[in-house]
């Protein structure tokens, strides 16, 4: 895996029944954290490690991007818990 920027990270992804080690080099999504759902694109190598080329953090249907929250707060239209 060759990426121009970012850090090399290794983690385990699981569906609760099976676990697969993942290797990734690059910038991590802002929502990336333990217990967060993700979508990983890449290939499974011969050693059983998933070599990810892209990571996308999943969010629930209520997620609002930080820049939208900031704009709503500035305009006075933001309601806590929205």
C-alpha atoms as a PDB file:
ATOM      1  CA  UNK A   1       0.000   0.000   0.000  1.00  0.00           C
ATOM      2  CA  UNK A   2       1.430   3.364  -0.997  1.00  0.00           C
ATOM      3  CA  UNK A   3      -0.150   6.620   0.163  1.00  0.00           C
ATOM      4  CA  UNK A   4       1.358  10.089  -0.003  1.00  0.00           C
ATOM      5  CA  UNK A   5       0.140  11.229   3.404  1.00  0.00           C
ATOM      6  CA  UNK A   6      -1.298   9.993   6.643  1.00  0.00           C
ATOM      7  CA  UNK A   7      -0.265   7.514   9.241  1.00  0.00           C
ATOM      8  CA  UNK A   8      -0.155   3.734   9.144  1.00  0.00           C
ATOM      9  CA  UNK A   9      -2.820   2.222  11.383  1.00  0.00           C
ATOM     10  CA  UNK A  10      -3.766  -1.342  12.190  1.00  0.00           C
ATOM     11  CA  UNK A  11      -7.049  -2.302  13.823  1.00  0.00           C
ATOM     12  CA  UNK A  12      -9.557  -5.136  14.017  1.00  0.00           C
ATOM     13  CA  UNK A  13     -12.963  -4.883  12.384  1.00  0.00           C
ATOM     14  CA  UNK A  14     -15.745  -7.192  13.525  1.00  0.00           C
ATOM     15  CA  UNK A  15     -19.369  -7.947  12.844  1.00  0.00           C
ATOM     16  CA  UNK A  16     -19.692  -9.444  16.325  1.00  0.00           C
ATOM     17  CA  UNK A  17     -19.078 -12.982  15.045  1.00  0.00           C
ATOM     18  CA  UNK A  18     -15.932 -12.702  12.939  1.00  0.00           C
ATOM     19  CA  UNK A  19     -12.901 -10.421  13.259  1.00  0.00           C
ATOM     20  CA  UNK A  20     -10.522  -9.337  10.491  1.00  0.00           C
ATOM     21  CA  UNK A  21      -7.296  -7.359  10.948  1.00  0.00           C
ATOM     22  CA  UNK A  22      -7.127  -4.198   8.826  1.00  0.00           C
ATOM     23  CA  UNK A  23      -4.071  -2.244   7.675  1.00  0.00           C
ATOM     24  CA  UNK A  24      -4.511   1.307   6.369  1.00  0.00           C
ATOM     25  CA  UNK A  25      -2.259   4.256   5.596  1.00  0.00           C
ATOM     26  CA  UNK A  26      -3.829   7.663   5.145  1.00  0.00           C
ATOM     27  CA  UNK A  27      -5.995  10.225   6.830  1.00  0.00           C
ATOM     28  CA  UNK A  28      -8.656   8.840   9.152  1.00  0.00           C
ATOM     29  CA  UNK A  29     -12.288   9.987   8.853  1.00  0.00           C
ATOM     30  CA  UNK A  30     -13.369  12.515  11.493  1.00  0.00           C
ATOM     31  CA  UNK A  31     -15.900  10.082  12.974  1.00  0.00           C
ATOM     32  CA  UNK A  32     -13.417   7.185  13.164  1.00  0.00           C
ATOM     33  CA  UNK A  33     -13.332   5.729  16.694  1.00  0.00           C
ATOM     34  CA  UNK A  34     -13.772   2.473  18.572  1.00  0.00           C
ATOM     35  CA  UNK A  35     -17.281   1.084  18.220  1.00  0.00           C
ATOM     36  CA  UNK A  36     -18.093   3.254  15.187  1.00  0.00           C
ATOM     37  CA  UNK A  37     -19.371   1.590  12.027  1.00  0.00           C
ATOM     38  CA  UNK A  38     -17.132   1.977   8.990  1.00  0.00           C
ATOM     39  CA  UNK A  39     -17.004   1.047   5.339  1.00  0.00           C
ATOM     40  CA  UNK A  40     -13.554  -0.127   4.235  1.00  0.00           C
ATOM     41  CA  UNK A  41     -12.554  -0.499   0.587  1.00  0.00           C
ATOM     42  CA  UNK A  42      -9.581  -2.627  -0.392  1.00  0.00           C
ATOM     43  CA  UNK A  43      -8.498  -6.246  -0.699  1.00  0.00           C
ATOM     44  CA  UNK A  44      -7.899  -9.224   1.561  1.00  0.00           C
ATOM     45  CA  UNK A  45      -4.256 -10.281   1.327  1.00  0.00           C
ATOM     46  CA  UNK A  46      -2.805 -13.807   1.569  1.00  0.00           C
ATOM     47  CA  UNK A  47      -2.124 -13.372   5.298  1.00  0.00           C
ATOM     48  CA  UNK A  48      -5.794 -12.701   6.040  1.00  0.00           C
ATOM     49  CA  UNK A  49      -5.321  -8.951   6.624  1.00  0.00           C
ATOM     50  CA  UNK A  50      -7.619  -6.550   4.832  1.00  0.00           C
ATOM     51  CA  UNK A  51      -5.445  -3.927   3.094  1.00  0.00           C
ATOM     52  CA  UNK A  52      -7.770  -0.917   3.066  1.00  0.00           C
ATOM     53  CA  UNK A  53      -7.320   1.783   0.446  1.00  0.00           C
ATOM     54  CA  UNK A  54     -10.205   3.930   1.719  1.00  0.00           C
ATOM     55  CA  UNK A  55     -12.127   4.243   5.002  1.00  0.00           C
ATOM     56  CA  UNK A  56     -15.519   5.864   5.403  1.00  0.00           C
ATOM     57  CA  UNK A  57     -17.080   6.362   8.832  1.00  0.00           C
ATOM     58  CA  UNK A  58     -20.770   5.554   9.037  1.00  0.00           C
ATOM     59  CA  UNK A  59     -23.132   7.771  10.987  1.00  0.00           C
ATOM     60  CA  UNK A  60     -26.768   7.593  11.942  1.00  0.00           C
ATOM     61  CA  UNK A  61     -29.541   9.420  10.108  1.00  0.00           C
ATOM     62  CA  UNK A  62     -29.392  12.298  12.615  1.00  0.00           C
ATOM     63  CA  UNK A  63     -25.767  13.224  11.837  1.00  0.00           C
ATOM     64  CA  UNK A  64     -25.162  16.848  10.893  1.00  0.00           C
ATOM     65  CA  UNK A  65     -21.755  17.865   9.509  1.00  0.00           C
ATOM     66  CA  UNK A  66     -19.854  20.246  11.833  1.00  0.00           C
ATOM     67  CA  UNK A  67     -19.804  23.051   9.261  1.00  0.00           C
ATOM     68  CA  UNK A  68     -23.623  22.917   8.996  1.00  0.00           C
ATOM     69  CA  UNK A  69     -23.970  22.996  12.800  1.00  0.00           C
ATOM     70  CA  UNK A  70     -21.677  26.045  12.929  1.00  0.00           C
ATOM     71  CA  UNK A  71     -23.676  27.857  10.242  1.00  0.00           C
ATOM     72  CA  UNK A  72     -26.977  27.078  11.999  1.00  0.00           C
ATOM     73  CA  UNK A  73     -25.583  28.315  15.327  1.00  0.00           C
ATOM     74  CA  UNK A  74     -24.354  31.551  13.741  1.00  0.00           C
ATOM     75  CA  UNK A  75     -27.761  32.146  12.177  1.00  0.00           C
ATOM     76  CA  UNK A  76     -29.611  31.356  15.433  1.00  0.00           C
ATOM     77  CA  UNK A  77     -31.446  28.363  13.923  1.00  0.00           C
ATOM     78  CA  UNK A  78     -29.642  25.587  15.817  1.00  0.00           C
ATOM     79  CA  UNK A  79     -31.606  23.640  18.422  1.00  0.00           C
ATOM     80  CA  UNK A  80     -29.619  21.484  20.862  1.00  0.00           C
ATOM     81  CA  UNK A  81     -30.435  17.800  20.405  1.00  0.00           C
ATOM     82  CA  UNK A  82     -31.280  18.296  16.721  1.00  0.00           C
END
